[in-house]
Amino acid sequence: MEVKDVTIRCERLEMPLLSLDQLERLTGDDAGSVASELNAVLSPEWLASVGRIAAYRARQIREHPTDAPWLFRPILLRDPGQPRPAIGYLNFHGAPDERGMLEIGYTLLPEARGQGYAIEAVRAAFEWATRVHGIRHFRASVSPDNDRSLNLIGKLGFVQTGDQWDEVDGLELVFELRV
């Protein structure tokens, strides 16, 4: 059986896949052990920004274990030998759908925005999904007032295919990309 690399790497970033156990510890009182395992600095701001999504993804893995390889990844700055700061997170929303499409989600801490990290992380995630899993169809749902994400998906070549109402986020514009 082929072993698939689960850490996504690019020039300035690494995005390791977190296990169910790690997600549960992040949402509990043991984020320090996860930080040690990742050789990362998980700031209070980062931990506050990921609490809800980490709990949601942990529940998702318990209910749909086949989604696990696609889910939660901290975005860490590459710094060999040093604890790497977490500057955001990236995840697909689940396993590929019946059309072989993946939906991407990402967030950066405010101090990491405007430096090209988001587009680098998303490009690397798409390259990994294509290279390792043969995925060539991607989706993004973006709030109409999220100018940064709208700019990012425009640079990547996404095309708007519709809109939807999300119970948590409200109105979202739906975009797709084939690579």
N, C-alpha and C. Protein backbone atom coordinates (compact mmCIF):
# COMPACT_ATOMS: atom_id res chain seq x y z
N MET A 1 0.84 -1.18 0.00
CA MET A 1 0.00 0.00 0.00
C MET A 1 0.88 1.24 0.00
N GLU A 2 0.53 2.21 -0.85
CA GLU A 2 1.29 3.45 -0.95
C GLU A 2 1.01 4.34 0.25
N VAL A 3 2.07 4.89 0.85
CA VAL A 3 1.91 5.83 1.95
C VAL A 3 1.88 7.23 1.34
N LYS A 4 0.83 7.96 1.64
CA LYS A 4 0.68 9.31 1.08
C LYS A 4 1.16 10.33 2.09
N ASP A 5 1.94 11.30 1.59
CA ASP A 5 2.43 12.37 2.44
C ASP A 5 1.26 13.23 2.87
N VAL A 6 1.12 13.46 4.15
CA VAL A 6 -0.01 14.22 4.65
C VAL A 6 0.34 15.66 5.03
N THR A 7 1.62 16.03 5.00
CA THR A 7 2.00 17.42 5.25
C THR A 7 2.16 18.12 3.91
N ILE A 8 1.49 19.25 3.79
CA ILE A 8 1.60 20.06 2.58
C ILE A 8 2.70 21.09 2.84
N ARG A 9 3.67 21.15 1.92
CA ARG A 9 4.80 22.07 2.06
C ARG A 9 4.89 22.97 0.84
N CYS A 10 5.32 24.19 1.07
CA CYS A 10 5.62 25.10 -0.02
C CYS A 10 6.79 25.98 0.43
N GLU A 11 7.12 26.97 -0.34
CA GLU A 11 8.34 27.73 -0.08
C GLU A 11 8.44 28.26 1.35
N ARG A 12 7.40 28.89 1.87
CA ARG A 12 7.48 29.53 3.18
C ARG A 12 6.63 28.88 4.26
N LEU A 13 5.84 27.85 3.87
CA LEU A 13 4.84 27.32 4.78
C LEU A 13 4.86 25.81 4.86
N GLU A 14 4.36 25.30 5.98
CA GLU A 14 4.06 23.87 6.14
C GLU A 14 2.67 23.77 6.74
N MET A 15 1.91 22.76 6.25
CA MET A 15 0.55 22.57 6.73
C MET A 15 0.35 21.10 7.06
N PRO A 16 0.71 20.71 8.30
CA PRO A 16 0.54 19.31 8.71
C PRO A 16 -0.94 19.00 8.96
N LEU A 17 -1.33 17.78 8.67
CA LEU A 17 -2.69 17.32 8.92
C LEU A 17 -2.83 16.96 10.40
N LEU A 18 -3.84 17.51 11.06
CA LEU A 18 -4.07 17.17 12.46
C LEU A 18 -4.99 15.96 12.57
N SER A 19 -4.67 15.10 13.52
CA SER A 19 -5.49 13.91 13.79
C SER A 19 -6.69 14.29 14.65
N LEU A 20 -7.62 13.35 14.77
CA LEU A 20 -8.76 13.55 15.65
C LEU A 20 -8.28 13.82 17.07
N ASP A 21 -7.32 13.05 17.54
CA ASP A 21 -6.79 13.24 18.89
C ASP A 21 -6.22 14.65 19.06
N GLN A 22 -5.48 15.13 18.09
CA GLN A 22 -4.90 16.47 18.17
C GLN A 22 -5.99 17.54 18.16
N LEU A 23 -7.00 17.37 17.31
CA LEU A 23 -8.11 18.33 17.28
C LEU A 23 -8.83 18.38 18.63
N GLU A 24 -9.04 17.22 19.22
CA GLU A 24 -9.71 17.18 20.53
C GLU A 24 -8.86 17.84 21.60
N ARG A 25 -7.56 17.64 21.55
CA ARG A 25 -6.69 18.30 22.54
C ARG A 25 -6.65 19.80 22.32
N LEU A 26 -6.71 20.24 21.06
CA LEU A 26 -6.74 21.68 20.77
C LEU A 26 -7.96 22.34 21.38
N THR A 27 -9.09 21.66 21.30
CA THR A 27 -10.33 22.24 21.80
C THR A 27 -10.51 22.00 23.30
N GLY A 28 -9.67 21.17 23.86
CA GLY A 28 -9.69 20.93 25.30
C GLY A 28 -8.66 21.82 25.97
N ASP A 29 -8.03 21.29 26.99
CA ASP A 29 -7.05 22.07 27.74
C ASP A 29 -5.62 21.61 27.49
N ASP A 30 -5.35 21.02 26.32
CA ASP A 30 -4.03 20.45 26.09
C ASP A 30 -3.43 20.90 24.76
N ALA A 31 -3.63 22.14 24.39
CA ALA A 31 -3.05 22.65 23.14
C ALA A 31 -1.52 22.64 23.19
N GLY A 32 -0.96 22.71 24.39
CA GLY A 32 0.49 22.70 24.52
C GLY A 32 1.13 21.43 23.99
N SER A 33 0.48 20.29 24.21
CA SER A 33 1.05 19.04 23.69
C SER A 33 0.99 18.99 22.17
N VAL A 34 -0.05 19.57 21.58
CA VAL A 34 -0.14 19.63 20.11
C VAL A 34 0.96 20.54 19.58
N ALA A 35 1.17 21.67 20.22
CA ALA A 35 2.23 22.59 19.81
C ALA A 35 3.59 21.89 19.85
N SER A 36 3.84 21.12 20.91
CA SER A 36 5.12 20.39 21.02
C SER A 36 5.27 19.38 19.89
N GLU A 37 4.21 18.62 19.61
CA GLU A 37 4.28 17.62 18.54
C GLU A 37 4.55 18.26 17.18
N LEU A 38 4.03 19.46 16.97
CA LEU A 38 4.21 20.15 15.69
C LEU A 38 5.45 21.01 15.65
N ASN A 39 6.15 21.13 16.78
CA ASN A 39 7.26 22.09 16.90
C ASN A 39 6.77 23.46 16.45
N ALA A 40 5.64 23.88 17.05
CA ALA A 40 4.97 25.11 16.64
C ALA A 40 4.64 25.99 17.83
N VAL A 41 4.45 27.26 17.54
CA VAL A 41 3.95 28.21 18.51
C VAL A 41 2.49 28.46 18.16
N LEU A 42 1.60 28.04 19.06
CA LEU A 42 0.17 28.24 18.87
C LEU A 42 -0.25 29.37 19.81
N SER A 43 -0.28 30.57 19.29
CA SER A 43 -0.54 31.76 20.11
C SER A 43 -1.98 31.74 20.64
N PRO A 44 -2.23 32.49 21.69
CA PRO A 44 -3.61 32.60 22.18
C PRO A 44 -4.57 33.11 21.09
N GLU A 45 -4.10 34.02 20.23
CA GLU A 45 -4.94 34.53 19.14
C GLU A 45 -5.27 33.42 18.15
N TRP A 46 -4.27 32.59 17.82
CA TRP A 46 -4.50 31.48 16.89
C TRP A 46 -5.47 30.49 17.52
N LEU A 47 -5.24 30.12 18.77
CA LEU A 47 -6.13 29.17 19.45
C LEU A 47 -7.56 29.69 19.50
N ALA A 48 -7.73 30.98 19.76
CA ALA A 48 -9.08 31.56 19.80
C ALA A 48 -9.73 31.51 18.42
N SER A 49 -8.93 31.68 17.37
CA SER A 49 -9.50 31.71 16.01
C SER A 49 -9.88 30.32 15.51
N VAL A 50 -9.31 29.26 16.08
CA VAL A 50 -9.57 27.90 15.56
C VAL A 50 -10.50 27.07 16.43
N GLY A 51 -10.88 27.56 17.58
CA GLY A 51 -11.67 26.75 18.51
C GLY A 51 -12.93 26.16 17.91
N ARG A 52 -13.75 26.99 17.29
CA ARG A 52 -15.02 26.52 16.74
C ARG A 52 -14.81 25.56 15.58
N ILE A 53 -13.92 25.89 14.66
CA ILE A 53 -13.71 25.04 13.48
C ILE A 53 -13.03 23.73 13.87
N ALA A 54 -12.10 23.76 14.82
CA ALA A 54 -11.44 22.52 15.25
C ALA A 54 -12.45 21.57 15.89
N ALA A 55 -13.35 22.10 16.71
CA ALA A 55 -14.39 21.26 17.33
C ALA A 55 -15.31 20.69 16.25
N TYR A 56 -15.68 21.51 15.29
CA TYR A 56 -16.54 21.06 14.20
C TYR A 56 -15.86 19.95 13.39
N ARG A 57 -14.59 20.14 13.05
CA ARG A 57 -13.86 19.13 12.26
C ARG A 57 -13.66 17.84 13.07
N ALA A 58 -13.44 17.94 14.37
CA ALA A 58 -13.33 16.73 15.21
C ALA A 58 -14.63 15.94 15.17
N ARG A 59 -15.75 16.64 15.32
CA ARG A 59 -17.06 15.98 15.24
C ARG A 59 -17.26 15.36 13.85
N GLN A 60 -16.84 16.06 12.83
CA GLN A 60 -16.96 15.55 11.46
C GLN A 60 -16.17 14.25 11.27
N ILE A 61 -14.97 14.19 11.81
CA ILE A 61 -14.16 12.97 11.70
C ILE A 61 -14.82 11.81 12.44
N ARG A 62 -15.37 12.09 13.62
CA ARG A 62 -16.05 11.02 14.36
C ARG A 62 -17.25 10.48 13.57
N GLU A 63 -17.98 11.35 12.88
CA GLU A 63 -19.16 10.95 12.13
C GLU A 63 -18.84 10.40 10.74
N HIS A 64 -17.77 10.91 10.12
CA HIS A 64 -17.37 10.52 8.76
C HIS A 64 -15.86 10.33 8.71
N PRO A 65 -15.34 9.22 9.20
CA PRO A 65 -13.88 9.02 9.28
C PRO A 65 -13.15 9.19 7.94
N THR A 66 -13.83 8.95 6.82
CA THR A 66 -13.16 9.09 5.52
C THR A 66 -12.87 10.55 5.17
N ASP A 67 -13.46 11.50 5.89
CA ASP A 67 -13.16 12.92 5.67
C ASP A 67 -11.81 13.33 6.29
N ALA A 68 -11.31 12.53 7.23
CA ALA A 68 -10.13 12.91 8.02
C ALA A 68 -8.94 13.40 7.20
N PRO A 69 -8.54 12.73 6.10
CA PRO A 69 -7.35 13.19 5.38
C PRO A 69 -7.48 14.57 4.73
N TRP A 70 -8.69 15.08 4.67
CA TRP A 70 -8.94 16.33 3.97
C TRP A 70 -9.11 17.52 4.91
N LEU A 71 -9.09 17.29 6.19
CA LEU A 71 -9.55 18.33 7.10
C LEU A 71 -8.44 19.21 7.65
N PHE A 72 -8.44 19.49 8.90
CA PHE A 72 -7.78 20.64 9.51
C PHE A 72 -6.25 20.62 9.47
N ARG A 73 -5.69 21.72 8.97
CA ARG A 73 -4.24 21.90 8.89
C ARG A 73 -3.86 23.30 9.38
N PRO A 74 -3.04 23.40 10.42
CA PRO A 74 -2.51 24.71 10.77
C PRO A 74 -1.56 25.17 9.67
N ILE A 75 -1.51 26.46 9.42
CA ILE A 75 -0.53 27.04 8.49
C ILE A 75 0.62 27.54 9.35
N LEU A 76 1.77 26.89 9.19
CA LEU A 76 2.96 27.21 9.98
C LEU A 76 4.02 27.84 9.10
N LEU A 77 4.67 28.88 9.60
CA LEU A 77 5.82 29.44 8.88
C LEU A 77 6.97 28.44 8.98
N ARG A 78 7.65 28.21 7.87
CA ARG A 78 8.78 27.28 7.87
C ARG A 78 9.96 27.94 8.55
N ASP A 79 10.53 27.26 9.52
CA ASP A 79 11.70 27.74 10.23
C ASP A 79 12.38 26.52 10.82
N PRO A 80 13.22 25.84 10.04
CA PRO A 80 13.82 24.58 10.49
C PRO A 80 14.50 24.72 11.85
N GLY A 81 14.17 23.77 12.72
CA GLY A 81 14.81 23.71 14.03
C GLY A 81 14.21 24.63 15.07
N GLN A 82 13.37 25.54 14.67
CA GLN A 82 12.76 26.48 15.60
C GLN A 82 11.27 26.19 15.71
N PRO A 83 10.67 26.49 16.85
CA PRO A 83 9.21 26.41 16.89
C PRO A 83 8.64 27.37 15.84
N ARG A 84 7.74 26.86 15.04
CA ARG A 84 7.20 27.62 13.91
C ARG A 84 5.88 28.26 14.32
N PRO A 85 5.73 29.55 14.08
CA PRO A 85 4.47 30.19 14.46
C PRO A 85 3.33 29.75 13.54
N ALA A 86 2.17 29.48 14.15
CA ALA A 86 0.95 29.21 13.39
C ALA A 86 0.37 30.57 13.01
N ILE A 87 0.14 30.77 11.71
CA ILE A 87 -0.37 32.06 11.24
C ILE A 87 -1.79 31.95 10.70
N GLY A 88 -2.34 30.75 10.69
CA GLY A 88 -3.69 30.55 10.18
C GLY A 88 -3.98 29.07 10.10
N TYR A 89 -5.01 28.73 9.34
CA TYR A 89 -5.34 27.32 9.10
C TYR A 89 -5.96 27.19 7.73
N LEU A 90 -5.92 25.96 7.23
CA LEU A 90 -6.48 25.62 5.93
C LEU A 90 -7.13 24.25 6.07
N ASN A 91 -8.23 24.07 5.38
CA ASN A 91 -8.85 22.74 5.33
C ASN A 91 -9.75 22.64 4.12
N PHE A 92 -9.92 21.42 3.66
CA PHE A 92 -11.00 21.16 2.73
C PHE A 92 -12.21 20.85 3.60
N HIS A 93 -13.40 21.01 3.06
CA HIS A 93 -14.61 20.84 3.87
C HIS A 93 -15.00 19.39 4.07
N GLY A 94 -14.33 18.48 3.39
CA GLY A 94 -14.61 17.05 3.50
C GLY A 94 -13.93 16.34 2.35
N ALA A 95 -14.23 15.07 2.23
CA ALA A 95 -13.72 14.27 1.11
C ALA A 95 -14.31 14.80 -0.20
N PRO A 96 -13.70 14.47 -1.33
CA PRO A 96 -14.26 14.91 -2.61
C PRO A 96 -15.71 14.44 -2.76
N ASP A 97 -16.54 15.28 -3.39
CA ASP A 97 -17.95 14.92 -3.59
C ASP A 97 -18.09 13.97 -4.78
N GLU A 98 -19.32 13.68 -5.15
CA GLU A 98 -19.59 12.71 -6.23
C GLU A 98 -19.01 13.16 -7.57
N ARG A 99 -18.72 14.46 -7.72
CA ARG A 99 -18.10 14.96 -8.95
C ARG A 99 -16.57 15.01 -8.84
N GLY A 100 -16.04 14.58 -7.69
CA GLY A 100 -14.59 14.65 -7.48
C GLY A 100 -14.11 16.04 -7.14
N MET A 101 -14.99 16.85 -6.57
CA MET A 101 -14.67 18.25 -6.25
C MET A 101 -14.43 18.40 -4.75
N LEU A 102 -13.47 19.27 -4.42
CA LEU A 102 -13.15 19.62 -3.03
C LEU A 102 -13.46 21.09 -2.80
N GLU A 103 -13.99 21.40 -1.60
CA GLU A 103 -14.18 22.80 -1.24
C GLU A 103 -13.10 23.21 -0.24
N ILE A 104 -12.48 24.35 -0.50
CA ILE A 104 -11.38 24.86 0.31
C ILE A 104 -11.89 25.90 1.31
N GLY A 105 -11.25 25.95 2.47
CA GLY A 105 -11.48 26.99 3.46
C GLY A 105 -10.15 27.37 4.07
N TYR A 106 -9.98 28.62 4.42
CA TYR A 106 -8.70 29.09 4.97
C TYR A 106 -8.94 30.37 5.75
N THR A 107 -8.07 30.61 6.71
CA THR A 107 -8.09 31.84 7.50
C THR A 107 -6.67 32.16 7.92
N LEU A 108 -6.31 33.42 7.88
CA LEU A 108 -5.03 33.89 8.40
C LEU A 108 -5.28 34.85 9.54
N LEU A 109 -4.36 34.84 10.51
CA LEU A 109 -4.41 35.85 11.56
C LEU A 109 -4.19 37.22 10.93
N PRO A 110 -4.77 38.26 11.49
CA PRO A 110 -4.66 39.59 10.87
C PRO A 110 -3.22 40.03 10.58
N GLU A 111 -2.29 39.72 11.48
CA GLU A 111 -0.90 40.17 11.26
C GLU A 111 -0.20 39.42 10.13
N ALA A 112 -0.77 38.32 9.65
CA ALA A 112 -0.17 37.55 8.56
C ALA A 112 -0.78 37.89 7.20
N ARG A 113 -1.80 38.70 7.19
CA ARG A 113 -2.48 39.03 5.93
C ARG A 113 -1.67 40.03 5.12
N GLY A 114 -1.89 40.00 3.81
CA GLY A 114 -1.24 40.95 2.91
C GLY A 114 0.20 40.61 2.57
N GLN A 115 0.63 39.39 2.86
CA GLN A 115 2.01 38.98 2.58
C GLN A 115 2.10 37.82 1.60
N GLY A 116 0.97 37.45 1.01
CA GLY A 116 0.95 36.37 0.02
C GLY A 116 0.88 34.97 0.61
N TYR A 117 0.71 34.85 1.92
CA TYR A 117 0.66 33.52 2.54
C TYR A 117 -0.59 32.74 2.14
N ALA A 118 -1.72 33.41 2.05
CA ALA A 118 -2.97 32.69 1.73
C ALA A 118 -2.91 32.08 0.34
N ILE A 119 -2.49 32.85 -0.65
CA ILE A 119 -2.45 32.31 -2.01
C ILE A 119 -1.40 31.21 -2.11
N GLU A 120 -0.28 31.35 -1.40
CA GLU A 120 0.75 30.31 -1.40
C GLU A 120 0.20 29.03 -0.78
N ALA A 121 -0.53 29.16 0.33
CA ALA A 121 -1.10 27.99 1.01
C ALA A 121 -2.15 27.31 0.14
N VAL A 122 -3.05 28.08 -0.45
CA VAL A 122 -4.12 27.49 -1.27
C VAL A 122 -3.53 26.83 -2.51
N ARG A 123 -2.59 27.49 -3.18
CA ARG A 123 -1.94 26.86 -4.35
C ARG A 123 -1.27 25.55 -3.97
N ALA A 124 -0.58 25.54 -2.84
CA ALA A 124 0.10 24.31 -2.39
C ALA A 124 -0.92 23.22 -2.07
N ALA A 125 -2.03 23.57 -1.45
CA ALA A 125 -3.07 22.58 -1.14
C ALA A 125 -3.66 22.00 -2.41
N PHE A 126 -3.92 22.84 -3.41
CA PHE A 126 -4.45 22.36 -4.68
C PHE A 126 -3.43 21.46 -5.39
N GLU A 127 -2.18 21.86 -5.37
CA GLU A 127 -1.13 21.05 -6.01
C GLU A 127 -1.03 19.70 -5.33
N TRP A 128 -1.08 19.68 -4.00
CA TRP A 128 -1.03 18.43 -3.24
C TRP A 128 -2.23 17.55 -3.59
N ALA A 129 -3.43 18.11 -3.58
CA ALA A 129 -4.63 17.33 -3.87
C ALA A 129 -4.59 16.76 -5.30
N THR A 130 -4.04 17.52 -6.22
CA THR A 130 -3.94 17.05 -7.61
C THR A 130 -2.86 15.98 -7.74
N ARG A 131 -1.67 16.26 -7.16
CA ARG A 131 -0.54 15.33 -7.29
C ARG A 131 -0.78 14.02 -6.55
N VAL A 132 -1.27 14.09 -5.33
CA VAL A 132 -1.40 12.90 -4.49
C VAL A 132 -2.72 12.17 -4.73
N HIS A 133 -3.79 12.92 -5.02
CA HIS A 133 -5.12 12.30 -5.09
C HIS A 133 -5.82 12.44 -6.45
N GLY A 134 -5.19 13.15 -7.40
CA GLY A 134 -5.79 13.30 -8.73
C GLY A 134 -6.98 14.25 -8.78
N ILE A 135 -7.14 15.09 -7.79
CA ILE A 135 -8.27 16.04 -7.76
C ILE A 135 -7.95 17.21 -8.68
N ARG A 136 -8.94 17.58 -9.49
CA ARG A 136 -8.76 18.69 -10.43
C ARG A 136 -9.91 19.69 -10.42
N HIS A 137 -10.82 19.56 -9.46
CA HIS A 137 -12.00 20.42 -9.41
C HIS A 137 -12.16 20.94 -7.98
N PHE A 138 -12.15 22.27 -7.85
CA PHE A 138 -12.17 22.89 -6.54
C PHE A 138 -13.30 23.91 -6.44
N ARG A 139 -13.73 24.14 -5.21
CA ARG A 139 -14.84 25.06 -4.94
C ARG A 139 -14.43 25.97 -3.79
N ALA A 140 -14.94 27.19 -3.80
CA ALA A 140 -14.75 28.13 -2.70
C ALA A 140 -16.05 28.90 -2.51
N SER A 141 -16.46 29.08 -1.26
CA SER A 141 -17.64 29.87 -0.91
C SER A 141 -17.15 31.07 -0.12
N VAL A 142 -17.48 32.27 -0.60
CA VAL A 142 -16.90 33.49 -0.04
C VAL A 142 -18.00 34.52 0.23
N SER A 143 -17.92 35.14 1.39
CA SER A 143 -18.83 36.24 1.70
C SER A 143 -18.62 37.36 0.68
N PRO A 144 -19.70 37.98 0.20
CA PRO A 144 -19.55 39.04 -0.80
C PRO A 144 -18.77 40.25 -0.31
N ASP A 145 -18.60 40.40 1.01
CA ASP A 145 -17.82 41.54 1.51
C ASP A 145 -16.40 41.15 1.94
N ASN A 146 -15.98 39.94 1.62
CA ASN A 146 -14.61 39.49 1.95
C ASN A 146 -13.71 39.79 0.75
N ASP A 147 -13.29 41.04 0.66
CA ASP A 147 -12.50 41.49 -0.50
C ASP A 147 -11.19 40.72 -0.66
N ARG A 148 -10.54 40.38 0.44
CA ARG A 148 -9.27 39.65 0.35
C ARG A 148 -9.46 38.27 -0.29
N SER A 149 -10.47 37.53 0.14
CA SER A 149 -10.71 36.21 -0.44
C SER A 149 -11.21 36.31 -1.87
N LEU A 150 -12.04 37.30 -2.15
CA LEU A 150 -12.50 37.48 -3.54
C LEU A 150 -11.32 37.79 -4.46
N ASN A 151 -10.38 38.59 -3.98
CA ASN A 151 -9.17 38.90 -4.75
C ASN A 151 -8.34 37.64 -4.96
N LEU A 152 -8.17 36.84 -3.90
CA LEU A 152 -7.37 35.62 -3.98
C LEU A 152 -7.96 34.64 -4.99
N ILE A 153 -9.24 34.36 -4.90
CA ILE A 153 -9.82 33.38 -5.81
C ILE A 153 -9.85 33.91 -7.24
N GLY A 154 -9.94 35.24 -7.39
CA GLY A 154 -9.84 35.82 -8.72
C GLY A 154 -8.47 35.59 -9.32
N LYS A 155 -7.42 35.75 -8.52
CA LYS A 155 -6.05 35.50 -9.00
C LYS A 155 -5.84 34.03 -9.37
N LEU A 156 -6.55 33.13 -8.70
CA LEU A 156 -6.41 31.70 -8.98
C LEU A 156 -7.23 31.25 -10.19
N GLY A 157 -8.13 32.10 -10.67
CA GLY A 157 -8.92 31.76 -11.85
C GLY A 157 -10.27 31.14 -11.56
N PHE A 158 -10.76 31.22 -10.32
CA PHE A 158 -12.09 30.72 -10.00
C PHE A 158 -13.15 31.49 -10.78
N VAL A 159 -14.26 30.82 -11.09
CA VAL A 159 -15.40 31.41 -11.79
C VAL A 159 -16.62 31.26 -10.90
N GLN A 160 -17.40 32.35 -10.74
CA GLN A 160 -18.60 32.27 -9.90
C GLN A 160 -19.64 31.40 -10.59
N THR A 161 -20.20 30.45 -9.81
CA THR A 161 -21.21 29.54 -10.34
C THR A 161 -22.56 29.70 -9.65
N GLY A 162 -22.65 30.56 -8.63
CA GLY A 162 -23.91 30.77 -7.95
C GLY A 162 -23.70 31.41 -6.60
N ASP A 163 -24.70 31.28 -5.74
CA ASP A 163 -24.59 31.75 -4.36
C ASP A 163 -25.39 30.80 -3.47
N GLN A 164 -25.21 30.97 -2.17
CA GLN A 164 -25.89 30.11 -1.21
C GLN A 164 -26.02 30.83 0.11
N TRP A 165 -26.91 30.33 0.95
CA TRP A 165 -27.07 30.86 2.29
C TRP A 165 -26.47 29.88 3.28
N ASP A 166 -25.52 30.34 4.08
CA ASP A 166 -24.91 29.53 5.12
C ASP A 166 -25.48 29.99 6.46
N GLU A 167 -25.93 29.03 7.28
CA GLU A 167 -26.57 29.38 8.56
C GLU A 167 -25.62 30.11 9.51
N VAL A 168 -24.32 29.88 9.38
CA VAL A 168 -23.36 30.55 10.25
C VAL A 168 -22.84 31.84 9.61
N ASP A 169 -22.47 31.76 8.32
CA ASP A 169 -21.79 32.87 7.66
C ASP A 169 -22.70 33.77 6.83
N GLY A 170 -23.96 33.39 6.62
CA GLY A 170 -24.86 34.22 5.82
C GLY A 170 -24.67 33.98 4.33
N LEU A 171 -24.91 35.02 3.53
CA LEU A 171 -24.80 34.91 2.08
C LEU A 171 -23.35 34.63 1.67
N GLU A 172 -23.19 33.65 0.80
CA GLU A 172 -21.87 33.31 0.24
C GLU A 172 -21.97 33.21 -1.28
N LEU A 173 -20.98 33.73 -1.94
CA LEU A 173 -20.85 33.54 -3.38
C LEU A 173 -20.09 32.25 -3.60
N VAL A 174 -20.53 31.43 -4.56
CA VAL A 174 -19.92 30.13 -4.81
C VAL A 174 -19.10 30.21 -6.10
N PHE A 175 -17.86 29.73 -6.02
CA PHE A 175 -16.93 29.76 -7.14
C PHE A 175 -16.37 28.37 -7.36
N GLU A 176 -16.01 28.06 -8.62
CA GLU A 176 -15.37 26.79 -8.94
C GLU A 176 -14.16 27.02 -9.82
N LEU A 177 -13.24 26.06 -9.74
CA LEU A 177 -12.01 26.08 -10.52
C LEU A 177 -11.68 24.68 -10.96
N ARG A 178 -11.35 24.52 -12.23
CA ARG A 178 -10.83 23.25 -12.75
C ARG A 178 -9.38 23.46 -13.13
N VAL A 179 -8.53 22.55 -12.67
CA VAL A 179 -7.09 22.67 -13.00
C VAL A 179 -6.65 21.52 -13.87
